[in-house]
Amino acid sequence: MMVVVFDLDDTLYKEIDYLRSAYRYIAAQLAGDDAEREEIFGTLYGAYKEGRDAFATLMECYNNKGVTKETLLHWYRTHKPQISLTDGCEGFLSVLVAKGCHLGIITDGRTVTQLNKIEALGLHSLIADEDIVISERFGSEKPSPENYLYFMNKYGADARYYYIADNTAKDFIAPNRLGWTTVCLKDNGQNIHKQKFSLSDEFLPKYTVEEFGGSLFELLKL
């Protein structure tokens, strides 16, 4: 039996796309017309790219809107995002399902936020909700081994376990210790959290791949 578990953000989709989607949603809530919507989006995204607090910048520029930072955060976290799967991901997942692999997700974040992303990506048609481990509703976050042991307790010690993720700071520590095969999807320059490979072995994946496709199929022996 093969169990293939994925990270969500910057693995199955690009998190920068969620950020842009949220900024566009916020702009739509505040704008009176299309021109103002683009202006507000530009203010938010420009501040982000320059490393400034986007919401503080927005409130300084549009203090007449009367919006609070708490409202902006709520909109950011709860909006229904316009995002899509990473190139090659949908076909890859479909092949795994056709081959009889069990799929799962381990992701940190708020339940409503992560479920909205999963719904927008159409992942519920491929991955059962009971195999989606979200830190807020599960009660622990990476690198806790509990998030990974959930799958081992469910599918048994004889299964082959893989974790495909991107964040070298926390994603691979626990699955490495548990004997999983860990695979890092390399940053194509768009990741929000940049990867570092000059770390001790416990942080590093066993393998790295450039994209979903051939070399990953080879690793999984499919």
Protein backbone atom coordinates (compact mmCIF):
# COMPACT_ATOMS: atom_id res chain seq x y z
CA MET A 1 0.00 0.00 0.00
CA MET A 2 1.25 3.49 -0.88
CA VAL A 3 0.22 6.61 1.02
CA VAL A 4 1.22 9.92 -0.58
CA VAL A 5 0.67 13.00 1.57
CA PHE A 6 1.13 16.57 0.41
CA ASP A 7 1.70 19.97 1.90
CA LEU A 8 -0.74 22.56 0.54
CA ASP A 9 0.73 26.07 0.32
CA ASP A 10 3.46 26.46 -2.31
CA THR A 11 3.19 22.76 -3.10
CA LEU A 12 -0.21 21.96 -4.59
CA TYR A 13 -0.67 25.60 -5.58
CA LYS A 14 1.32 28.85 -5.28
CA GLU A 15 0.55 30.81 -2.13
CA ILE A 16 1.33 34.11 -3.87
CA ASP A 17 -1.80 33.45 -5.94
CA TYR A 18 -3.85 33.28 -2.75
CA LEU A 19 -2.36 36.56 -1.57
CA ARG A 20 -3.22 38.27 -4.86
CA SER A 21 -6.72 36.77 -4.78
CA ALA A 22 -7.26 38.09 -1.25
CA TYR A 23 -5.99 41.54 -2.17
CA ARG A 24 -8.35 41.65 -5.14
CA TYR A 25 -11.24 40.61 -2.91
CA ILE A 26 -10.39 43.32 -0.38
CA ALA A 27 -10.13 45.90 -3.14
CA ALA A 28 -13.57 44.88 -4.43
CA GLN A 29 -15.09 45.38 -0.96
CA LEU A 30 -13.70 48.92 -0.68
CA ALA A 31 -13.80 50.27 -4.21
CA GLY A 32 -16.52 52.34 -5.78
CA ASP A 33 -15.54 51.50 -9.36
CA ASP A 34 -13.10 49.44 -11.42
CA ALA A 35 -10.41 52.11 -11.44
CA GLU A 36 -10.44 52.44 -7.68
CA ARG A 37 -10.40 48.65 -7.31
CA GLU A 38 -7.20 48.45 -9.35
CA GLU A 39 -5.71 51.34 -7.38
CA ILE A 40 -6.40 49.65 -4.03
CA PHE A 41 -5.06 46.33 -5.28
CA GLY A 42 -1.93 48.10 -6.52
CA THR A 43 -1.44 49.75 -3.13
CA LEU A 44 -1.69 46.43 -1.30
CA TYR A 45 0.44 44.40 -3.67
CA GLY A 46 3.02 47.16 -4.08
CA ALA A 47 3.46 47.39 -0.30
CA TYR A 48 3.83 43.62 -0.04
CA LYS A 49 6.51 43.49 -2.75
CA GLU A 50 8.42 46.27 -1.00
CA GLY A 51 8.33 44.39 2.32
CA ARG A 52 5.97 46.85 4.01
CA ASP A 53 2.84 46.09 6.03
CA ALA A 54 0.24 46.03 3.26
CA PHE A 55 -2.76 46.58 5.53
CA ALA A 56 -1.14 49.43 7.47
CA THR A 57 -0.22 51.06 4.16
CA LEU A 58 -3.79 50.70 2.90
CA MET A 59 -5.27 52.25 6.01
CA GLU A 60 -2.86 55.18 5.77
CA CYS A 61 -3.79 55.81 2.15
CA TYR A 62 -7.54 55.23 2.55
CA ASN A 63 -8.25 56.28 6.11
CA ASN A 64 -11.58 57.72 4.93
CA LYS A 65 -12.79 54.15 4.28
CA GLY A 66 -13.06 53.52 8.01
CA VAL A 67 -11.87 49.93 7.69
CA THR A 68 -9.97 48.24 10.53
CA LYS A 69 -7.02 45.89 10.32
CA GLU A 70 -9.16 43.19 11.93
CA THR A 71 -11.68 43.51 9.09
CA LEU A 72 -8.95 43.32 6.47
CA LEU A 73 -7.51 40.20 8.11
CA HIS A 74 -10.97 38.63 8.26
CA TRP A 75 -11.52 39.26 4.56
CA TYR A 76 -8.06 37.91 3.77
CA ARG A 77 -8.54 34.71 5.72
CA THR A 78 -12.14 33.90 4.86
CA HIS A 79 -12.60 34.94 1.23
CA LYS A 80 -13.25 32.31 -1.45
CA PRO A 81 -9.99 32.37 -3.39
CA GLN A 82 -9.39 32.34 -7.12
CA ILE A 83 -6.46 29.91 -7.30
CA SER A 84 -5.44 26.89 -9.36
CA LEU A 85 -3.26 23.83 -8.93
CA THR A 86 0.44 23.94 -9.70
CA ASP A 87 1.30 22.98 -13.29
CA GLY A 88 1.10 19.23 -13.77
CA CYS A 89 -0.42 18.63 -10.35
CA GLU A 90 -3.95 17.65 -11.37
CA GLY A 91 -2.74 15.02 -13.82
CA PHE A 92 -0.24 13.71 -11.28
CA LEU A 93 -2.89 13.34 -8.58
CA SER A 94 -5.28 11.65 -10.99
CA VAL A 95 -2.65 9.07 -11.90
CA LEU A 96 -1.99 8.33 -8.22
CA VAL A 97 -5.71 7.78 -7.60
CA ALA A 98 -5.98 5.55 -10.66
CA LYS A 99 -3.03 3.49 -9.36
CA GLY A 100 -4.82 2.94 -6.04
CA CYS A 101 -2.65 5.22 -3.91
CA HIS A 102 -4.13 6.77 -0.78
CA LEU A 103 -3.75 10.56 -0.82
CA GLY A 104 -3.65 13.01 2.06
CA ILE A 105 -2.77 16.58 3.04
CA ILE A 106 -0.90 17.90 6.07
CA THR A 107 -1.05 21.69 6.24
CA ASP A 108 -0.68 24.38 8.88
CA GLY A 109 -3.22 27.15 9.07
CA ARG A 110 -6.75 28.15 9.98
CA THR A 111 -9.43 25.62 9.19
CA VAL A 112 -11.71 27.95 7.21
CA THR A 113 -8.81 29.36 5.21
CA GLN A 114 -7.31 26.03 4.26
CA LEU A 115 -10.67 24.42 3.49
CA ASN A 116 -11.58 27.34 1.22
CA LYS A 117 -8.32 26.78 -0.67
CA ILE A 118 -8.93 23.04 -0.94
CA GLU A 119 -12.46 23.63 -2.22
CA ALA A 120 -11.25 26.20 -4.77
CA LEU A 121 -8.63 23.73 -6.03
CA GLY A 122 -11.18 20.94 -6.41
CA LEU A 123 -9.20 18.62 -4.16
CA HIS A 124 -12.18 17.13 -2.33
CA SER A 125 -12.88 15.05 -5.43
CA LEU A 126 -9.47 13.38 -5.02
CA ILE A 127 -8.76 13.46 -1.27
CA ALA A 128 -11.22 12.49 1.46
CA ASP A 129 -11.84 15.11 4.15
CA GLU A 130 -10.78 12.61 6.83
CA ASP A 131 -7.33 12.54 5.19
CA ILE A 132 -6.90 16.32 5.32
CA VAL A 133 -4.96 17.29 8.45
CA ILE A 134 -5.22 21.04 9.14
CA SER A 135 -3.28 22.23 12.17
CA GLU A 136 -6.06 24.32 13.72
CA ARG A 137 -8.71 21.61 13.69
CA PHE A 138 -6.22 18.75 14.32
CA GLY A 139 -4.70 20.48 17.34
CA SER A 140 -1.01 20.44 16.43
CA GLU A 141 1.17 21.86 13.71
CA LYS A 142 4.35 20.88 11.90
CA PRO A 143 6.87 19.65 12.85
CA SER A 144 4.80 17.69 15.39
CA PRO A 145 4.96 13.95 14.58
CA GLU A 146 1.29 13.58 15.55
CA ASN A 147 0.18 15.01 12.22
CA TYR A 148 2.07 12.25 10.39
CA LEU A 149 1.34 9.46 12.86
CA TYR A 150 -2.34 10.01 12.11
CA PHE A 151 -1.79 8.42 8.70
CA MET A 152 0.45 5.66 10.04
CA ASN A 153 -2.15 4.72 12.64
CA LYS A 154 -4.84 4.67 9.96
CA TYR A 155 -3.03 2.80 7.19
CA GLY A 156 -0.59 0.69 9.20
CA ALA A 157 3.15 0.26 9.54
CA ASP A 158 3.50 -1.83 6.38
CA ALA A 159 2.45 0.96 4.01
CA ARG A 160 4.98 3.06 2.11
CA TYR A 161 4.70 6.70 3.12
CA TYR A 162 5.71 9.76 1.10
CA TYR A 163 5.50 13.43 2.01
CA ILE A 164 5.77 15.97 -0.80
CA ALA A 165 6.23 19.55 0.39
CA ASP A 166 8.33 22.70 0.01
CA ASN A 167 9.27 24.29 3.34
CA THR A 168 12.73 23.19 4.45
CA ALA A 169 12.28 24.94 7.81
CA LYS A 170 9.63 22.55 9.12
CA ASP A 171 8.08 20.18 6.57
CA PHE A 172 10.53 17.27 6.59
CA ILE A 173 11.68 16.95 10.21
CA ALA A 174 8.94 14.64 11.50
CA PRO A 175 8.48 12.44 8.41
CA ASN A 176 12.25 11.95 8.19
CA ARG A 177 12.29 10.69 11.78
CA LEU A 178 9.34 8.40 11.08
CA GLY A 179 11.00 6.81 8.07
CA TRP A 180 8.88 8.40 5.36
CA THR A 181 10.30 9.19 1.94
CA THR A 182 10.43 12.99 1.83
CA VAL A 183 10.38 14.93 -1.41
CA CYS A 184 10.83 18.68 -1.85
CA LEU A 185 9.19 20.48 -4.75
CA LYS A 186 11.75 23.13 -5.58
CA ASP A 187 10.85 26.80 -5.58
CA ASN A 188 10.43 28.13 -9.11
CA GLY A 189 11.01 31.66 -7.85
CA GLN A 190 7.42 32.30 -6.73
CA ASN A 191 7.35 30.75 -3.26
CA ILE A 192 6.53 33.04 -0.35
CA HIS A 193 8.76 31.10 2.07
CA LYS A 194 12.16 30.70 0.46
CA GLN A 195 13.95 27.38 0.69
CA LYS A 196 17.29 26.85 2.41
CA PHE A 197 19.33 23.72 1.77
CA SER A 198 22.33 24.66 3.93
CA LEU A 199 20.71 23.02 6.94
CA SER A 200 21.39 19.90 8.98
CA ASP A 201 20.16 16.62 7.54
CA GLU A 202 17.10 16.40 9.80
CA PHE A 203 15.58 19.41 8.00
CA LEU A 204 16.34 18.26 4.48
CA PRO A 205 14.25 16.09 2.17
CA LYS A 206 15.63 12.83 0.85
CA TYR A 207 14.89 13.96 -2.70
CA THR A 208 14.15 17.14 -4.61
CA VAL A 209 12.18 17.50 -7.85
CA GLU A 210 11.59 20.42 -10.16
CA GLU A 211 7.93 19.72 -10.89
CA PHE A 212 5.11 17.23 -10.82
CA GLY A 213 5.79 14.63 -13.47
CA GLY A 214 8.35 12.13 -14.67
CA SER A 215 11.05 12.21 -11.99
CA LEU A 216 8.41 12.15 -9.25
CA PHE A 217 6.72 9.14 -10.82
CA GLU A 218 10.12 7.42 -10.85
CA LEU A 219 10.63 8.12 -7.14
CA LEU A 220 7.26 6.61 -6.37
CA LYS A 221 8.08 3.67 -8.67
CA LEU A 222 4.95 4.22 -10.74
